Amino acid sequence: MNKEEQLSTDTILPIMFRGLGLLLAIDMWRLWPDLSMLFGQGTFLNEHSISWQQRPDTLSIHTLIANLSEYTIASLEWIHFFGLLYIICGLALFFDHYRRAAMLGLIILHYLFFIANYTWSYGADYLAQAGLFTGLIFCCLESRGLPHQRWARLGSTVFRLQLTVVYFFAGLGKAMGPTWWNGEAIWKAIQQPLSPSLFSIPQSAHQLTNIWAGLGIATLLLELGSPLLWINGRIRIYVSTGIILMHVGIALTMGLIHFSCVMIWYNLCAWNHPLLHRIAKPIIKPLETTEPTLQVRTATADLDTREGGNNKHIK
């Protein structure tokens, strides 16, 4: 990567969290038509099923809605009221307005919706919550013992360490069994009956065992090789690009679009990928602060002047 494409550590984290706020707002907007069915008083799950899936001694959006009246102002259901707050906090974080309040509100609402109850939560929700928590500490709080630049560098290091741990132990768990080595796990993943895939794989492709085994081994190598991302240079670009392409494949064949977008955005920002500059130029420009430099025209020699820039009018 060229030096001019490198972003400073105090710029990467704000970019990452602004993009995360937009992704979370979009995901809640996609769930908007089904909020009443999933979380509201008219949910198709009974109270016993909800309480059985809920973390003990905690408050979830289900229990919160159950203790409120049926409607709020202008006949807007409570669940849509909290969903609207979620979207507002995500957009406020994206546009960098009231950053602390937006991030704190998003952490609380995200926990109520997706973390407190196991019913609708999956890996992307926990990764988003970890990212928000990291952003609250290193972007909204200041360290008394460290200057701003070193505090931002520490936050970037912690964020990268989180990703490395997640990928490495995910790959280690996959490597324990035979299904990822022979491609069986890959085939089952892309053939889920309820998967809203954007690119369907026909059943006849089951015979291509070498391809599925190769994809499974490639997944293991990318996840187990995630510590190589700490090596700056071509190795980092190759490994991070491979991980990004892996998540593109997950989005296309498994339909996990939100999860894939979050992880692609995390990898672009964490490892300062060159594609980050092409995707996030409107965000990067206002955040980049460069000191003015003195521009001096290089002296040239031609028919009218000599080297050194002698003025022909001076005798």
Foldseek 3Di string as FASTA:
>chain_A
DDPVLDDALLQLLLLLLLVLLQLQLVVLVVCLVVQCCPAAPVHPDDPVVFVVQFDPPDAASNVVRVPDDQADPPRHGPSVVLSVLLNVLSNCSNVVHPNLVSLVSNLVSLCRYAPRGPPPHDDLSVLSNVSSVLCNPQVVDDDPVDDNSVSSVVSLVVLLVVLLVVLQVVLVVLVVDCCLQQLNVVVCQLVDPPFPAQAHDDPVCVVVRVVSNVVSVLSSCLSNVSVQCVDDDPSVQVSLVSVLVVLVVCCHRRVPVSSSVSVNSSSCSSSSHSCCCVPCVVSSVVSDDDDDDDDDDQADDDPQAHGPGDHPVPD
